[in-house]
Protein backbone atom coordinates (compact mmCIF):
# COMPACT_ATOMS: atom_id res chain seq x y z
CA SER A 1 0.00 0.00 0.00
CA PRO A 2 1.18 3.58 -0.56
CA LEU A 3 2.85 5.07 2.51
CA PRO A 4 2.78 8.66 3.71
CA SER A 5 6.21 10.27 3.96
CA ALA A 6 8.13 10.24 7.22
CA LYS A 7 7.61 14.00 7.45
CA SER A 8 3.84 13.55 7.18
CA VAL A 9 3.84 10.75 9.75
CA GLY A 10 5.77 12.92 12.22
CA LYS A 11 3.48 15.86 11.59
CA PHE A 12 0.03 14.27 11.47
CA LEU A 13 0.11 10.86 13.21
CA SER A 14 0.31 10.15 16.91
CA LEU A 15 2.86 7.55 18.03
CA ASP A 16 0.02 5.01 18.41
CA LEU A 17 -1.20 5.58 14.86
CA ALA A 18 2.36 5.48 13.52
CA LYS A 19 2.79 2.10 15.23
CA LYS A 20 -0.32 0.74 13.52
CA LEU A 21 0.82 2.12 10.15
CA TYR A 22 4.33 0.64 10.35
CA ASP A 23 3.07 -2.68 11.72
CA LEU A 24 0.84 -3.05 8.66
CA SER A 25 3.61 -1.91 6.35
CA ALA A 26 6.04 -4.42 7.86
CA LYS A 27 3.52 -7.24 7.50
CA GLN A 28 3.07 -6.41 3.80
CA ILE A 29 6.81 -6.15 3.22
CA SER A 30 7.38 -9.48 4.93
CA ALA A 31 4.55 -11.13 2.98
CA LEU A 32 6.24 -10.01 -0.25
CA GLY A 33 9.41 -11.82 0.81
CA ILE A 34 11.40 -8.63 1.38
CA GLN A 35 13.81 -9.16 4.27
CA VAL A 36 15.72 -5.85 4.37
CA ASN A 37 14.31 -2.32 4.54
CA LEU A 38 16.74 0.55 3.94
CA GLY A 39 15.08 2.82 6.44
CA PRO A 40 14.28 4.77 8.45
CA VAL A 41 16.17 8.02 7.93
CA VAL A 42 17.17 8.99 11.47
CA GLU A 43 18.68 12.35 10.54
CA ILE A 44 17.24 15.49 12.10
CA LEU A 45 15.69 17.81 9.52
CA THR A 46 17.51 21.16 9.42
CA GLU A 47 17.74 24.15 7.12
CA ASP A 48 21.06 22.77 5.93
CA ASN A 49 19.78 19.36 4.78
CA GLU A 50 16.14 20.05 3.95
CA GLY A 51 16.90 20.46 0.25
CA PHE A 52 18.08 16.84 0.10
CA LEU A 53 16.18 15.00 2.86
CA ASP A 54 12.91 16.94 2.60
CA SER A 55 10.05 14.56 3.42
CA ARG A 56 12.25 11.58 4.33
CA SER A 57 12.99 12.83 7.87
CA PHE A 58 10.48 12.68 10.70
CA GLY A 59 11.50 16.23 11.68
CA ASP A 60 13.31 17.56 14.73
CA PHE A 61 15.17 15.52 17.34
CA GLU A 62 12.07 15.11 19.52
CA LYS A 63 10.27 13.37 16.65
CA VAL A 64 13.09 11.52 14.91
CA ILE A 65 13.94 9.26 17.85
CA PRO A 66 10.47 7.97 18.90
CA TYR A 67 9.08 7.64 15.36
CA SER A 68 12.24 5.94 14.12
CA GLU A 69 12.12 3.46 16.98
CA ILE A 70 8.50 2.63 16.17
CA PHE A 71 9.48 2.04 12.53
CA ILE A 72 12.46 -0.12 13.57
CA ASN A 73 10.53 -2.24 16.06
CA SER A 74 7.65 -2.82 13.63
CA MET A 75 10.13 -4.15 11.07
CA LEU A 76 11.96 -6.37 13.56
CA GLU A 77 8.70 -7.81 14.90
CA ASN A 78 7.85 -8.95 11.36
CA SER A 79 11.27 -10.39 10.46
CA VAL A 80 12.34 -7.43 8.32
CA PHE A 81 15.87 -6.11 8.93
CA PRO A 82 15.91 -2.28 9.21
CA VAL A 83 18.93 -0.28 8.05
CA VAL A 84 18.99 3.25 9.49
CA LYS A 85 20.56 6.03 7.46
CA HIS A 86 22.53 8.08 6.50
CA PHE A 87 25.40 8.08 9.03
CA PRO A 88 26.89 10.54 9.90
CA GLY A 89 24.54 12.93 8.09
CA ASN A 90 23.93 15.05 4.99
CA ASN A 91 23.56 18.61 3.84
CA ALA A 92 21.45 19.87 0.93
CA ASP A 93 23.83 18.55 -1.75
CA ASP A 94 22.51 15.43 -3.46
CA PRO A 95 25.22 12.70 -3.53
CA HIS A 96 23.60 11.30 -6.68
CA LEU A 97 24.86 14.47 -8.38
CA GLY A 98 27.92 15.63 -6.46
CA LEU A 99 30.01 15.36 -3.30
CA PRO A 100 28.42 16.78 -0.11
CA ILE A 101 30.92 18.59 2.14
CA ILE A 102 29.62 19.53 5.60
CA ASN A 103 31.74 22.20 7.28
CA TYR A 104 30.31 21.96 10.79
CA ASP A 105 32.60 22.31 13.79
CA ILE A 106 32.99 19.22 15.95
CA GLU A 107 30.35 20.25 18.52
CA LYS A 108 27.69 20.94 15.89
CA THR A 109 28.61 17.70 14.12
CA LYS A 110 28.13 15.70 17.32
CA ASN A 111 24.98 17.45 18.51
CA ILE A 112 23.07 17.63 15.23
CA LEU A 113 24.41 14.86 13.00
CA ILE A 114 25.72 12.05 15.19
CA SER A 115 23.44 12.29 18.24
CA PRO A 116 20.38 10.61 16.64
CA PHE A 117 22.47 7.55 15.76
CA GLU A 118 23.72 7.39 19.37
CA LYS A 119 20.23 7.64 20.85
CA ILE A 120 18.51 4.99 18.74
CA GLU A 121 17.99 1.83 20.81
CA ASN A 122 18.20 -1.80 19.69
CA LYS A 123 21.30 -1.02 17.61
CA GLU A 124 22.60 -4.57 17.85
CA ASN A 125 19.59 -5.71 15.78
CA LEU A 126 19.74 -3.24 12.90
CA GLY A 127 22.07 -2.10 10.15
CA ILE A 128 23.55 1.35 9.63
CA LEU A 129 24.08 2.84 6.17
CA VAL A 130 27.05 5.19 5.83
CA ALA A 131 26.75 8.26 3.61
CA HIS A 132 29.17 9.70 1.04
CA SER A 133 29.33 13.07 2.79
CA VAL A 134 32.67 14.57 3.77
CA LEU A 135 32.93 15.98 7.31
CA PRO A 136 36.36 17.58 7.86
CA SER A 137 35.76 18.03 11.60
CA LEU A 138 35.71 14.25 12.15
CA PHE A 139 39.18 13.61 10.76
CA SER A 140 42.28 13.54 12.89
CA SER A 141 44.65 11.11 11.20
CA GLU A 142 43.72 11.13 7.51
CA THR A 143 42.76 13.61 4.83
CA PRO A 144 38.96 14.16 4.83
CA ILE A 145 37.33 11.70 2.40
CA PRO A 146 33.75 10.43 1.89
CA ALA A 147 32.48 8.83 5.09
CA CYS A 148 31.76 5.38 3.67
CA LEU A 149 35.35 5.08 2.41
CA SER A 150 36.94 6.21 5.66
CA LYS A 151 38.33 3.93 8.36
CA GLU A 152 38.40 7.01 10.59
CA ILE A 153 34.60 7.20 10.43
CA VAL A 154 33.43 3.61 9.86
CA THR A 155 35.77 1.77 12.20
CA ASN A 156 37.18 4.35 14.62
CA LEU A 157 34.04 6.45 15.11
CA LEU A 158 31.04 4.21 14.41
CA LYS A 159 32.37 0.87 15.62
CA ASN A 160 34.95 1.75 18.26
CA GLN A 161 33.80 5.05 19.77
CA LEU A 162 30.04 4.57 19.42
CA GLY A 163 30.22 0.82 20.08
CA TYR A 164 28.18 -0.29 17.08
CA SER A 165 28.73 -3.97 16.31
CA GLY A 166 26.10 -4.69 13.65
CA LEU A 167 26.21 -4.72 9.85
CA VAL A 168 27.50 -1.56 8.19
CA PHE A 169 26.19 -0.79 4.69
CA SER A 170 27.72 1.56 2.15
CA ASP A 171 25.53 3.93 0.21
CA ASP A 172 25.47 3.32 -3.57
CA LEU A 173 29.12 3.20 -4.64
CA LEU A 174 28.21 4.22 -8.20
CA MET A 175 26.83 7.62 -7.20
CA ALA A 176 28.36 10.72 -8.74
CA ALA A 177 29.63 11.77 -5.31
CA LEU A 178 32.28 9.09 -5.69
CA GLN A 179 32.49 8.38 -9.42
CA ASN A 180 33.04 12.03 -10.37
CA ASN A 181 35.54 12.76 -7.62
CA GLY A 182 38.33 10.27 -8.18
CA TYR A 183 36.75 7.17 -6.64
CA ASP A 184 36.03 4.77 -9.50
CA SER A 185 34.28 1.48 -8.80
CA ILE A 186 37.37 -0.57 -7.95
CA THR A 187 38.85 2.20 -5.81
CA ALA A 188 35.57 2.76 -3.96
CA ILE A 189 35.02 -0.95 -3.32
CA THR A 190 38.57 -1.46 -2.06
CA MET A 191 38.48 1.59 0.21
CA ALA A 192 35.03 0.72 1.58
CA ILE A 193 36.15 -2.79 2.57
CA LYS A 194 39.31 -1.44 4.21
CA ALA A 195 37.22 1.17 6.02
CA GLY A 196 35.13 -1.56 7.65
CA ILE A 197 32.00 -1.64 5.48
CA ASN A 198 30.29 -5.07 5.59
CA VAL A 199 27.70 -4.72 2.82
CA LEU A 200 28.62 -2.97 -0.43
CA MET A 201 25.83 -1.47 -2.51
């Protein structure tokens, strides 16, 4: 069945109604034999990323966490594996078309971009999809590169510092963000594996 956008769910549905909606959605997905759902988007909607995320975010921090957890739990209860995205965040630049560079300082990066991924519960039972965005403030030992190709972000930050031990997915490695910026398919695949990505898309 057609689904309302995450933005609409966060705006118009109570948590109880959202639970009913995502339970029914998960049952339909499972009945179709689909075992993995690349969602939800757990990024907070801001002026800086609205041009790209738009209706795919539930909204502000107070909505993203509870509505995302409802989505996640509905999937898990119906044997569908949820993959939250896009760690560690985006701006308004579409990675299908170019390379997003987010020039936040470290405090803003932690408080706005990373915090939703820290707060989501049940992390051992879900996947996390890593974006192509470049965040210079997160790099200490290597030149800033796209997040999904970076050991600094995938292994050191996500796995070691944040303690995530589940499956890590790359975003689409054939997007222009990589292909048009010196990361051809073989280079991107090799770097993603070395970074600690488990599932290459």
